[in-house]
Amino acid sequence: MPLIYKIVPADLWREAEAKGVFAGAAVDLADGFIHFSTAAQVRETAAKHFARQEDLLLVGVDPMKLGGLLRYEVSRGGALFPHLYGPLTMGAVAWVKPLPFGAGGHVFPDDLA
């Protein structure tokens, strides 16, 4: 199963790494689940929710390691988005990469699956 992605401010992610678990950003905590995007959705997510923001990280997560707490639910435009109803443990994280902001928007890794 392909990775799912979370865009996170670097300082918030570093705090999570130190704790060994990511409970979510403010919007996640308010909504009661951690918002993720698929590879097909993540660029639009960045443009819509993180426009012009710098010092962001892109976190690639293995959905198979999230168990029954992960649900795909209808969201923006009727598309199914991955939502995690629980904390994200570091063991489910495949990689973390910088998500710099350039002249044309956020610059995603070439190997985004």
PDB file of N, CA and C in Angstrom:
ATOM      1  N   MET A   1       0.846  -1.176   0.000  1.00  0.00           N
ATOM      2  CA  MET A   1       0.000   0.000   0.000  1.00  0.00           C
ATOM      3  C   MET A   1       0.891   1.239   0.000  1.00  0.00           C
ATOM      4  N   PRO A   2       0.565   2.239  -0.832  1.00  0.00           N
ATOM      5  CA  PRO A   2       1.405   3.450  -0.918  1.00  0.00           C
ATOM      6  C   PRO A   2       1.401   4.252   0.386  1.00  0.00           C
ATOM      7  N   LEU A   3       2.455   5.011   0.559  1.00  0.00           N
ATOM      8  CA  LEU A   3       2.556   5.876   1.729  1.00  0.00           C
ATOM      9  C   LEU A   3       1.459   6.932   1.718  1.00  0.00           C
ATOM     10  N   ILE A   4       1.149   7.446   2.918  1.00  0.00           N
ATOM     11  CA  ILE A   4       0.313   8.625   3.057  1.00  0.00           C
ATOM     12  C   ILE A   4       1.194   9.709   3.663  1.00  0.00           C
ATOM     13  N   TYR A   5       0.727  10.967   3.584  1.00  0.00           N
ATOM     14  CA  TYR A   5       1.616  12.081   3.913  1.00  0.00           C
ATOM     15  C   TYR A   5       0.979  13.070   4.873  1.00  0.00           C
ATOM     16  N   LYS A   6       1.835  13.615   5.730  1.00  0.00           N
ATOM     17  CA  LYS A   6       1.445  14.666   6.664  1.00  0.00           C
ATOM     18  C   LYS A   6       2.427  15.815   6.500  1.00  0.00           C
ATOM     19  N   ILE A   7       1.894  17.018   6.346  1.00  0.00           N
ATOM     20  CA  ILE A   7       2.717  18.225   6.299  1.00  0.00           C
ATOM     21  C   ILE A   7       2.709  18.812   7.710  1.00  0.00           C
ATOM     22  N   VAL A   8       3.900  19.045   8.252  1.00  0.00           N
ATOM     23  CA  VAL A   8       4.016  19.458   9.651  1.00  0.00           C
ATOM     24  C   VAL A   8       5.076  20.559   9.783  1.00  0.00           C
ATOM     25  N   PRO A   9       4.788  21.609  10.564  1.00  0.00           N
ATOM     26  CA  PRO A   9       5.843  22.568  10.874  1.00  0.00           C
ATOM     27  C   PRO A   9       7.008  21.851  11.551  1.00  0.00           C
ATOM     28  N   ALA A  10       8.220  22.207  11.170  1.00  0.00           N
ATOM     29  CA  ALA A  10       9.412  21.499  11.652  1.00  0.00           C
ATOM     30  C   ALA A  10       9.516  21.485  13.174  1.00  0.00           C
ATOM     31  N   ASP A  11       9.220  22.607  13.821  1.00  0.00           N
ATOM     32  CA  ASP A  11       9.361  22.642  15.276  1.00  0.00           C
ATOM     33  C   ASP A  11       8.366  21.705  15.967  1.00  0.00           C
ATOM     34  N   LEU A  12       7.152  21.628  15.446  1.00  0.00           N
ATOM     35  CA  LEU A  12       6.149  20.729  16.009  1.00  0.00           C
ATOM     36  C   LEU A  12       6.564  19.267  15.830  1.00  0.00           C
ATOM     37  N   TRP A  13       7.144  18.962  14.668  1.00  0.00           N
ATOM     38  CA  TRP A  13       7.579  17.590  14.425  1.00  0.00           C
ATOM     39  C   TRP A  13       8.754  17.210  15.327  1.00  0.00           C
ATOM     40  N   ARG A  14       9.686  18.134  15.511  1.00  0.00           N
ATOM     41  CA  ARG A  14      10.847  17.845  16.375  1.00  0.00           C
ATOM     42  C   ARG A  14      10.385  17.557  17.806  1.00  0.00           C
ATOM     43  N   GLU A  15       9.356  18.277  18.280  1.00  0.00           N
ATOM     44  CA  GLU A  15       8.787  18.001  19.606  1.00  0.00           C
ATOM     45  C   GLU A  15       8.213  16.581  19.639  1.00  0.00           C
ATOM     46  N   ALA A  16       7.512  16.207  18.585  1.00  0.00           N
ATOM     47  CA  ALA A  16       6.918  14.866  18.511  1.00  0.00           C
ATOM     48  C   ALA A  16       7.996  13.793  18.507  1.00  0.00           C
ATOM     49  N   GLU A  17       9.066  14.024  17.754  1.00  0.00           N
ATOM     50  CA  GLU A  17      10.161  13.052  17.730  1.00  0.00           C
ATOM     51  C   GLU A  17      10.748  12.858  19.128  1.00  0.00           C
ATOM     52  N   ALA A  18      10.891  13.954  19.849  1.00  0.00           N
ATOM     53  CA  ALA A  18      11.446  13.873  21.199  1.00  0.00           C
ATOM     54  C   ALA A  18      10.532  13.065  22.124  1.00  0.00           C
ATOM     55  N   LYS A  19       9.217  13.175  21.918  1.00  0.00           N
ATOM     56  CA  LYS A  19       8.234  12.443  22.725  1.00  0.00           C
ATOM     57  C   LYS A  19       8.018  11.015  22.227  1.00  0.00           C
ATOM     58  N   GLY A  20       8.373  10.775  20.963  1.00  0.00           N
ATOM     59  CA  GLY A  20       8.180   9.455  20.373  1.00  0.00           C
ATOM     60  C   GLY A  20       6.799   9.245  19.781  1.00  0.00           C
ATOM     61  N   VAL A  21       5.992  10.305  19.761  1.00  0.00           N
ATOM     62  CA  VAL A  21       4.636  10.203  19.233  1.00  0.00           C
ATOM     63  C   VAL A  21       4.162  11.588  18.788  1.00  0.00           C
ATOM     64  N   PHE A  22       3.376  11.612  17.707  1.00  0.00           N
ATOM     65  CA  PHE A  22       2.787  12.852  17.199  1.00  0.00           C
ATOM     66  C   PHE A  22       1.290  12.800  17.469  1.00  0.00           C
ATOM     67  N   ALA A  23       0.817  13.704  18.308  1.00  0.00           N
ATOM     68  CA  ALA A  23      -0.608  13.737  18.664  1.00  0.00           C
ATOM     69  C   ALA A  23      -1.421  14.548  17.672  1.00  0.00           C
ATOM     70  N   GLY A  24      -0.744  15.372  16.869  1.00  0.00           N
ATOM     71  CA  GLY A  24      -1.424  16.167  15.861  1.00  0.00           C
ATOM     72  C   GLY A  24      -1.147  17.643  16.016  1.00  0.00           C
ATOM     73  N   ALA A  25      -1.420  18.370  14.942  1.00  0.00           N
ATOM     74  CA  ALA A  25      -1.342  19.827  14.956  1.00  0.00           C
ATOM     75  C   ALA A  25      -2.658  20.368  15.523  1.00  0.00           C
ATOM     76  N   ALA A  26      -2.750  21.671  15.686  1.00  0.00           N
ATOM     77  CA  ALA A  26      -3.947  22.287  16.272  1.00  0.00           C
ATOM     78  C   ALA A  26      -5.222  21.878  15.534  1.00  0.00           C
ATOM     79  N   VAL A  27      -5.193  21.877  14.207  1.00  0.00           N
ATOM     80  CA  VAL A  27      -6.389  21.502  13.435  1.00  0.00           C
ATOM     81  C   VAL A  27      -6.755  20.042  13.663  1.00  0.00           C
ATOM     82  N   ASP A  28      -5.765  19.186  13.806  1.00  0.00           N
ATOM     83  CA  ASP A  28      -6.018  17.767  14.066  1.00  0.00           C
ATOM     84  C   ASP A  28      -6.683  17.590  15.434  1.00  0.00           C
ATOM     85  N   LEU A  29      -6.131  18.255  16.420  1.00  0.00           N
ATOM     86  CA  LEU A  29      -6.671  18.150  17.775  1.00  0.00           C
ATOM     87  C   LEU A  29      -8.105  18.676  17.820  1.00  0.00           C
ATOM     88  N   ALA A  30      -8.372  19.760  17.097  1.00  0.00           N
ATOM     89  CA  ALA A  30      -9.727  20.323  17.062  1.00  0.00           C
ATOM     90  C   ALA A  30     -10.715  19.387  16.369  1.00  0.00           C
ATOM     91  N   ASP A  31     -10.254  18.692  15.323  1.00  0.00           N
ATOM     92  CA  ASP A  31     -11.139  17.816  14.548  1.00  0.00           C
ATOM     93  C   ASP A  31     -11.256  16.407  15.127  1.00  0.00           C
ATOM     94  N   GLY A  32     -10.349  16.037  16.020  1.00  0.00           N
ATOM     95  CA  GLY A  32     -10.416  14.732  16.648  1.00  0.00           C
ATOM     96  C   GLY A  32      -9.730  13.622  15.886  1.00  0.00           C
ATOM     97  N   PHE A  33      -8.959  13.973  14.878  1.00  0.00           N
ATOM     98  CA  PHE A  33      -8.183  13.000  14.113  1.00  0.00           C
ATOM     99  C   PHE A  33      -7.037  13.709  13.422  1.00  0.00           C
ATOM    100  N   ILE A  34      -6.011  12.951  13.033  1.00  0.00           N
ATOM    101  CA  ILE A  34      -4.870  13.513  12.310  1.00  0.00           C
ATOM    102  C   ILE A  34      -5.157  13.429  10.816  1.00  0.00           C
ATOM    103  N   HIS A  35      -5.093  14.591  10.164  1.00  0.00           N
ATOM    104  CA  HIS A  35      -5.325  14.683   8.726  1.00  0.00           C
ATOM    105  C   HIS A  35      -4.091  14.213   7.952  1.00  0.00           C
ATOM    106  N   PHE A  36      -4.305  13.367   6.974  1.00  0.00           N
ATOM    107  CA  PHE A  36      -3.252  12.944   6.051  1.00  0.00           C
ATOM    108  C   PHE A  36      -3.737  13.174   4.631  1.00  0.00           C
ATOM    109  N   SER A  37      -2.830  13.057   3.688  1.00  0.00           N
ATOM    110  CA  SER A  37      -3.149  13.135   2.264  1.00  0.00           C
ATOM    111  C   SER A  37      -2.477  11.986   1.541  1.00  0.00           C
ATOM    112  N   THR A  38      -3.056  11.586   0.436  1.00  0.00           N
ATOM    113  CA  THR A  38      -2.403  10.632  -0.446  1.00  0.00           C
ATOM    114  C   THR A  38      -1.423  11.398  -1.326  1.00  0.00           C
ATOM    115  N   ALA A  39      -0.632  10.694  -2.100  1.00  0.00           N
ATOM    116  CA  ALA A  39       0.306  11.348  -3.018  1.00  0.00           C
ATOM    117  C   ALA A  39      -0.439  12.238  -4.016  1.00  0.00           C
ATOM    118  N   ALA A  40      -1.609  11.807  -4.443  1.00  0.00           N
ATOM    119  CA  ALA A  40      -2.398  12.587  -5.406  1.00  0.00           C
ATOM    120  C   ALA A  40      -3.008  13.842  -4.781  1.00  0.00           C
ATOM    121  N   GLN A  41      -3.118  13.877  -3.459  1.00  0.00           N
ATOM    122  CA  GLN A  41      -3.788  14.981  -2.761  1.00  0.00           C
ATOM    123  C   GLN A  41      -2.837  15.967  -2.093  1.00  0.00           C
ATOM    124  N   VAL A  42      -1.612  15.558  -1.817  1.00  0.00           N
ATOM    125  CA  VAL A  42      -0.754  16.328  -0.924  1.00  0.00           C
ATOM    126  C   VAL A  42      -0.342  17.687  -1.491  1.00  0.00           C
ATOM    127  N   ARG A  43      -0.180  17.812  -2.781  1.00  0.00           N
ATOM    128  CA  ARG A  43       0.191  19.110  -3.354  1.00  0.00           C
ATOM    129  C   ARG A  43      -0.942  20.127  -3.166  1.00  0.00           C
ATOM    130  N   GLU A  44      -2.170  19.699  -3.391  1.00  0.00           N
ATOM    131  CA  GLU A  44      -3.311  20.593  -3.186  1.00  0.00           C
ATOM    132  C   GLU A  44      -3.458  20.943  -1.705  1.00  0.00           C
ATOM    133  N   THR A  45      -3.210  19.979  -0.836  1.00  0.00           N
ATOM    134  CA  THR A  45      -3.246  20.240   0.605  1.00  0.00           C
ATOM    135  C   THR A  45      -2.233  21.319   0.972  1.00  0.00           C
ATOM    136  N   ALA A  46      -1.035  21.218   0.440  1.00  0.00           N
ATOM    137  CA  ALA A  46       0.008  22.216   0.725  1.00  0.00           C
ATOM    138  C   ALA A  46      -0.432  23.595   0.248  1.00  0.00           C
ATOM    139  N   ALA A  47      -0.962  23.667  -0.976  1.00  0.00           N
ATOM    140  CA  ALA A  47      -1.373  24.953  -1.538  1.00  0.00           C
ATOM    141  C   ALA A  47      -2.538  25.558  -0.767  1.00  0.00           C
ATOM    142  N   LYS A  48      -3.470  24.724  -0.344  1.00  0.00           N
ATOM    143  CA  LYS A  48      -4.679  25.214   0.316  1.00  0.00           C
ATOM    144  C   LYS A  48      -4.457  25.555   1.793  1.00  0.00           C
ATOM    145  N   HIS A  49      -3.737  24.723   2.508  1.00  0.00           N
ATOM    146  CA  HIS A  49      -3.617  24.880   3.953  1.00  0.00           C
ATOM    147  C   HIS A  49      -2.263  25.387   4.445  1.00  0.00           C
ATOM    148  N   PHE A  50      -1.259  25.397   3.574  1.00  0.00           N
ATOM    149  CA  PHE A  50       0.085  25.795   3.997  1.00  0.00           C
ATOM    150  C   PHE A  50       0.702  26.827   3.040  1.00  0.00           C
ATOM    151  N   ALA A  51      -0.128  27.594   2.357  1.00  0.00           N
ATOM    152  CA  ALA A  51       0.345  28.564   1.364  1.00  0.00           C
ATOM    153  C   ALA A  51       1.396  29.493   1.966  1.00  0.00           C
ATOM    154  N   ARG A  52       2.505  29.593   1.280  1.00  0.00           N
ATOM    155  CA  ARG A  52       3.617  30.481   1.616  1.00  0.00           C
ATOM    156  C   ARG A  52       4.318  30.152   2.938  1.00  0.00           C
ATOM    157  N   GLN A  53       3.944  29.061   3.577  1.00  0.00           N
ATOM    158  CA  GLN A  53       4.594  28.706   4.841  1.00  0.00           C
ATOM    159  C   GLN A  53       5.942  28.049   4.571  1.00  0.00           C
ATOM    160  N   GLU A  54       6.885  28.411   5.390  1.00  0.00           N
ATOM    161  CA  GLU A  54       8.223  27.842   5.291  1.00  0.00           C
ATOM    162  C   GLU A  54       8.496  27.003   6.537  1.00  0.00           C
ATOM    163  N   ASP A  55       9.636  26.363   6.550  1.00  0.00           N
ATOM    164  CA  ASP A  55      10.065  25.523   7.672  1.00  0.00           C
ATOM    165  C   ASP A  55       9.077  24.392   7.930  1.00  0.00           C
ATOM    166  N   LEU A  56       8.649  23.777   6.823  1.00  0.00           N
ATOM    167  CA  LEU A  56       7.740  22.635   6.895  1.00  0.00           C
ATOM    168  C   LEU A  56       8.474  21.349   6.583  1.00  0.00           C
ATOM    169  N   LEU A  57       7.926  20.244   7.083  1.00  0.00           N
ATOM    170  CA  LEU A  57       8.437  18.920   6.776  1.00  0.00           C
ATOM    171  C   LEU A  57       7.321  18.107   6.146  1.00  0.00           C
ATOM    172  N   LEU A  58       7.702  17.206   5.271  1.00  0.00           N
ATOM    173  CA  LEU A  58       6.777  16.240   4.695  1.00  0.00           C
ATOM    174  C   LEU A  58       7.099  14.896   5.323  1.00  0.00           C
ATOM    175  N   VAL A  59       6.099  14.317   5.979  1.00  0.00           N
ATOM    176  CA  VAL A  59       6.286  13.056   6.688  1.00  0.00           C
ATOM    177  C   VAL A  59       5.580  11.953   5.903  1.00  0.00           C
ATOM    178  N   GLY A  60       6.346  10.963   5.450  1.00  0.00           N
ATOM    179  CA  GLY A  60       5.794   9.809   4.750  1.00  0.00           C
ATOM    180  C   GLY A  60       5.491   8.710   5.755  1.00  0.00           C
ATOM    181  N   VAL A  61       4.257   8.218   5.734  1.00  0.00           N
ATOM    182  CA  VAL A  61       3.803   7.253   6.738  1.00  0.00           C
ATOM    183  C   VAL A  61       3.295   5.980   6.060  1.00  0.00           C
ATOM    184  N   ASP A  62       3.653   4.845   6.628  1.00  0.00           N
ATOM    185  CA  ASP A  62       3.200   3.555   6.135  1.00  0.00           C
ATOM    186  C   ASP A  62       1.807   3.270   6.716  1.00  0.00           C
ATOM    187  N   PRO A  63       0.756   3.321   5.893  1.00  0.00           N
ATOM    188  CA  PRO A  63      -0.593   3.125   6.426  1.00  0.00           C
ATOM    189  C   PRO A  63      -0.826   1.731   7.004  1.00  0.00           C
ATOM    190  N   MET A  64      -0.052   0.750   6.563  1.00  0.00           N
ATOM    191  CA  MET A  64      -0.208  -0.610   7.061  1.00  0.00           C
ATOM    192  C   MET A  64       0.194  -0.720   8.539  1.00  0.00           C
ATOM    193  N   LYS A  65       0.958   0.243   9.025  1.00  0.00           N
ATOM    194  CA  LYS A  65       1.407   0.218  10.416  1.00  0.00           C
ATOM    195  C   LYS A  65       0.477   1.009  11.343  1.00  0.00           C
ATOM    196  N   LEU A  66      -0.644   1.480  10.812  1.00  0.00           N
ATOM    197  CA  LEU A  66      -1.568   2.286  11.610  1.00  0.00           C
ATOM    198  C   LEU A  66      -2.776   1.497  12.097  1.00  0.00           C
ATOM    199  N   GLY A  67      -2.959   0.313  11.550  1.00  0.00           N
ATOM    200  CA  GLY A  67      -4.042  -0.553  12.016  1.00  0.00           C
ATOM    201  C   GLY A  67      -5.425   0.040  11.782  1.00  0.00           C
ATOM    202  N   GLY A  68      -6.344  -0.344  12.653  1.00  0.00           N
ATOM    203  CA  GLY A  68      -7.737   0.049  12.508  1.00  0.00           C
ATOM    204  C   GLY A  68      -8.030   1.486  12.874  1.00  0.00           C
ATOM    205  N   LEU A  69      -7.020   2.241  13.309  1.00  0.00           N
ATOM    206  CA  LEU A  69      -7.236   3.646  13.644  1.00  0.00           C
ATOM    207  C   LEU A  69      -7.259   4.545  12.415  1.00  0.00           C
ATOM    208  N   LEU A  70      -6.867   4.003  11.252  1.00  0.00           N
ATOM    209  CA  LEU A  70      -6.852   4.773  10.010  1.00  0.00           C
ATOM    210  C   LEU A  70      -8.138   4.523   9.237  1.00  0.00           C
ATOM    211  N   ARG A  71      -8.786   5.609   8.850  1.00  0.00           N
ATOM    212  CA  ARG A  71     -10.008   5.510   8.043  1.00  0.00           C
ATOM    213  C   ARG A  71      -9.902   6.465   6.865  1.00  0.00           C
ATOM    214  N   TYR A  72     -10.411   6.033   5.730  1.00  0.00           N
ATOM    215  CA  TYR A  72     -10.498   6.899   4.553  1.00  0.00           C
ATOM    216  C   TYR A  72     -11.911   7.445   4.519  1.00  0.00           C
ATOM    217  N   GLU A  73     -12.024   8.776   4.629  1.00  0.00           N
ATOM    218  CA  GLU A  73     -13.332   9.411   4.740  1.00  0.00           C
ATOM    219  C   GLU A  73     -13.492  10.522   3.716  1.00  0.00           C
ATOM    220  N   VAL A  74     -14.728  10.746   3.316  1.00  0.00           N
ATOM    221  CA  VAL A  74     -15.037  11.780   2.327  1.00  0.00           C
ATOM    222  C   VAL A  74     -14.694  13.146   2.904  1.00  0.00           C
ATOM    223  N   SER A  75     -13.997  13.936   2.105  1.00  0.00           N
ATOM    224  CA  SER A  75     -13.617  15.278   2.517  1.00  0.00           C
ATOM    225  C   SER A  75     -13.689  16.188   1.294  1.00  0.00           C
ATOM    226  N   ARG A  76     -12.674  17.009   1.111  1.00  0.00           N
ATOM    227  CA  ARG A  76     -12.633  18.016   0.059  1.00  0.00           C
ATOM    228  C   ARG A  76     -13.042  17.459  -1.305  1.00  0.00           C
ATOM    229  N   GLY A  77     -14.064  18.038  -1.896  1.00  0.00           N
ATOM    230  CA  GLY A  77     -14.489  17.658  -3.237  1.00  0.00           C
ATOM    231  C   GLY A  77     -15.003  16.237  -3.349  1.00  0.00           C
ATOM    232  N   GLY A  78     -15.391  15.643  -2.234  1.00  0.00           N
ATOM    233  CA  GLY A  78     -15.903  14.274  -2.261  1.00  0.00           C
ATOM    234  C   GLY A  78     -14.828  13.202  -2.290  1.00  0.00           C
ATOM    235  N   ALA A  79     -13.562  13.611  -2.250  1.00  0.00           N
ATOM    236  CA  ALA A  79     -12.455  12.645  -2.281  1.00  0.00           C
ATOM    237  C   ALA A  79     -12.295  11.976  -0.921  1.00  0.00           C
ATOM    238  N   LEU A  80     -11.783  10.764  -0.941  1.00  0.00           N
ATOM    239  CA  LEU A  80     -11.492  10.043   0.295  1.00  0.00           C
ATOM    240  C   LEU A  80     -10.107  10.436   0.797  1.00  0.00           C
ATOM    241  N   PHE A  81     -10.065  10.953   2.020  1.00  0.00           N
ATOM    242  CA  PHE A  81      -8.808  11.350   2.638  1.00  0.00           C
ATOM    243  C   PHE A  81      -8.521  10.435   3.822  1.00  0.00           C
ATOM    244  N   PRO A  82      -7.246  10.101   4.057  1.00  0.00           N
ATOM    245  CA  PRO A  82      -6.887   9.287   5.214  1.00  0.00           C
ATOM    246  C   PRO A  82      -6.910  10.115   6.506  1.00  0.00           C
ATOM    247  N   HIS A  83      -7.597   9.598   7.507  1.00  0.00           N
ATOM    248  CA  HIS A  83      -7.686  10.229   8.823  1.00  0.00           C
ATOM    249  C   HIS A  83      -7.287   9.207   9.880  1.00  0.00           C
ATOM    250  N   LEU A  84      -6.413   9.606  10.781  1.00  0.00           N
ATOM    251  CA  LEU A  84      -5.943   8.719  11.847  1.00  0.00           C
ATOM    252  C   LEU A  84      -6.607   9.105  13.164  1.00  0.00           C
ATOM    253  N   TYR A  85      -7.379   8.188  13.717  1.00  0.00           N
ATOM    254  CA  TYR A  85      -8.077   8.410  14.978  1.00  0.00           C
ATOM    255  C   TYR A  85      -7.249   7.878  16.143  1.00  0.00           C
ATOM    256  N   GLY A  86      -6.147   8.518  16.359  1.00  0.00           N
ATOM    257  CA  GLY A  86      -5.227   8.156  17.422  1.00  0.00           C
ATOM    258  C   GLY A  86      -3.889   8.801  17.135  1.00  0.00           C
ATOM    259  N   PRO A  87      -2.928   8.631  18.018  1.00  0.00           N
ATOM    260  CA  PRO A  87      -1.621   9.235  17.817  1.00  0.00           C
ATOM    261  C   PRO A  87      -0.813   8.508  16.739  1.00  0.00           C
ATOM    262  N   LEU A  88       0.089   9.246  16.130  1.00  0.00           N
ATOM    263  CA  LEU A  88       1.014   8.685  15.148  1.00  0.00           C
ATOM    264  C   LEU A  88       2.301   8.310  15.865  1.00  0.00           C
ATOM    265  N   THR A  89       2.608   7.023  15.898  1.00  0.00           N
ATOM    266  CA  THR A  89       3.854   6.578  16.512  1.00  0.00           C
ATOM    267  C   THR A  89       4.987   6.665  15.502  1.00  0.00           C
ATOM    268  N   MET A  90       6.178   6.865  15.991  1.00  0.00           N
ATOM    269  CA  MET A  90       7.337   7.014  15.099  1.00  0.00           C
ATOM    270  C   MET A  90       7.624   5.732  14.319  1.00  0.00           C
ATOM    271  N   GLY A  91       7.188   4.595  14.819  1.00  0.00           N
ATOM    272  CA  GLY A  91       7.404   3.336  14.119  1.00  0.00           C
ATOM    273  C   GLY A  91       6.661   3.232  12.796  1.00  0.00           C
ATOM    274  N   ALA A  92       5.637   4.061  12.606  1.00  0.00           N
ATOM    275  CA  ALA A  92       4.884   4.048  11.351  1.00  0.00           C
ATOM    276  C   ALA A  92       5.469   5.013  10.313  1.00  0.00           C
ATOM    277  N   VAL A  93       6.421   5.820  10.732  1.00  0.00           N
ATOM    278  CA  VAL A  93       7.008   6.840   9.855  1.00  0.00           C
ATOM    279  C   VAL A  93       8.079   6.208   8.972  1.00  0.00           C
ATOM    280  N   ALA A  94       7.901   6.321   7.659  1.00  0.00           N
ATOM    281  CA  ALA A  94       8.872   5.782   6.706  1.00  0.00           C
ATOM    282  C   ALA A  94      10.030   6.746   6.497  1.00  0.00           C
ATOM    283  N   TRP A  95       9.720   8.030   6.418  1.00  0.00           N
ATOM    284  CA  TRP A  95      10.748   9.056   6.251  1.00  0.00           C
ATOM    285  C   TRP A  95      10.186  10.444   6.543  1.00  0.00           C
ATOM    286  N   VAL A  96      11.113  11.380   6.754  1.00  0.00           N
ATOM    287  CA  VAL A  96      10.786  12.788   6.965  1.00  0.00           C
ATOM    288  C   VAL A  96      11.721  13.596   6.073  1.00  0.00           C
ATOM    289  N   LYS A  97      11.133  14.476   5.257  1.00  0.00           N
ATOM    290  CA  LYS A  97      11.936  15.274   4.327  1.00  0.00           C
ATOM    291  C   LYS A  97      11.518  16.736   4.405  1.00  0.00           C
ATOM    292  N   PRO A  98      12.454  17.644   4.126  1.00  0.00           N
ATOM    293  CA  PRO A  98      12.106  19.062   4.087  1.00  0.00           C
ATOM    294  C   PRO A  98      11.086  19.333   2.978  1.00  0.00           C
ATOM    295  N   LEU A  99      10.228  20.311   3.210  1.00  0.00           N
ATOM    296  CA  LEU A  99       9.263  20.741   2.195  1.00  0.00           C
ATOM    297  C   LEU A  99       9.445  22.249   2.003  1.00  0.00           C
ATOM    298  N   PRO A 100      10.499  22.613   1.263  1.00  0.00           N
ATOM    299  CA  PRO A 100      10.805  24.037   1.105  1.00  0.00           C
ATOM    300  C   PRO A 100       9.769  24.752   0.236  1.00  0.00           C
ATOM    301  N   PHE A 101       9.689  26.053   0.445  1.00  0.00           N
ATOM    302  CA  PHE A 101       8.798  26.887  -0.357  1.00  0.00           C
ATOM    303  C   PHE A 101       9.649  27.641  -1.363  1.00  0.00           C
ATOM    304  N   GLY A 102       9.330  27.465  -2.645  1.00  0.00           N
ATOM    305  CA  GLY A 102      10.079  28.122  -3.700  1.00  0.00           C
ATOM    306  C   GLY A 102       9.211  29.106  -4.472  1.00  0.00           C
ATOM    307  N   ALA A 103       9.743  29.613  -5.555  1.00  0.00           N
ATOM    308  CA  ALA A 103       9.035  30.612  -6.359  1.00  0.00           C
ATOM    309  C   ALA A 103       7.702  30.098  -6.895  1.00  0.00           C
ATOM    310  N   GLY A 104       7.630  28.805  -7.177  1.00  0.00           N
ATOM    311  CA  GLY A 104       6.402  28.236  -7.724  1.00  0.00           C
ATOM    312  C   GLY A 104       5.553  27.504  -6.700  1.00  0.00           C
ATOM    313  N   GLY A 105       5.872  27.668  -5.431  1.00  0.00           N
ATOM    314  CA  GLY A 105       5.139  26.958  -4.377  1.00  0.00           C
ATOM    315  C   GLY A 105       6.054  25.987  -3.661  1.00  0.00           C
ATOM    316  N   HIS A 106       5.466  25.070  -2.935  1.00  0.00           N
ATOM    317  CA  HIS A 106       6.265  24.088  -2.202  1.00  0.00           C
ATOM    318  C   HIS A 106       6.939  23.119  -3.169  1.00  0.00           C
ATOM    319  N   VAL A 107       8.152  22.743  -2.821  1.00  0.00           N
ATOM    320  CA  VAL A 107       8.957  21.862  -3.659  1.00  0.00           C
ATOM    321  C   VAL A 107       8.945  20.471  -3.037  1.00  0.00           C
ATOM    322  N   PHE A 108       8.257  19.543  -3.719  1.00  0.00           N
ATOM    323  CA  PHE A 108       8.108  18.186  -3.214  1.00  0.00           C
ATOM    324  C   PHE A 108       9.247  17.297  -3.661  1.00  0.00           C
ATOM    325  N   PRO A 109       9.551  16.273  -2.890  1.00  0.00           N
ATOM    326  CA  PRO A 109      10.610  15.331  -3.280  1.00  0.00           C
ATOM    327  C   PRO A 109      10.274  14.677  -4.623  1.00  0.00           C
ATOM    328  N   ASP A 110      11.293  14.397  -5.404  1.00  0.00           N
ATOM    329  CA  ASP A 110      11.108  13.772  -6.710  1.00  0.00           C
ATOM    330  C   ASP A 110      10.516  12.371  -6.600  1.00  0.00           C
ATOM    331  N   ASP A 111      10.784  11.704  -5.488  1.00  0.00           N
ATOM    332  CA  ASP A 111      10.355  10.316  -5.348  1.00  0.00           C
ATOM    333  C   ASP A 111       9.009  10.162  -4.619  1.00  0.00           C
ATOM    334  N   LEU A 112       8.211  11.224  -4.613  1.00  0.00           N
ATOM    335  CA  LEU A 112       6.903  11.155  -3.970  1.00  0.00           C
ATOM    336  C   LEU A 112       6.074  10.084  -4.676  1.00  0.00           C
ATOM    337  N   ALA A 113       5.715   9.041  -3.926  1.00  0.00           N
ATOM    338  CA  ALA A 113       5.022   7.909  -4.538  1.00  0.00           C
ATOM    339  C   ALA A 113       3.532   8.120  -4.543  1.00  0.00           C
TER     340      ALA A 113
END
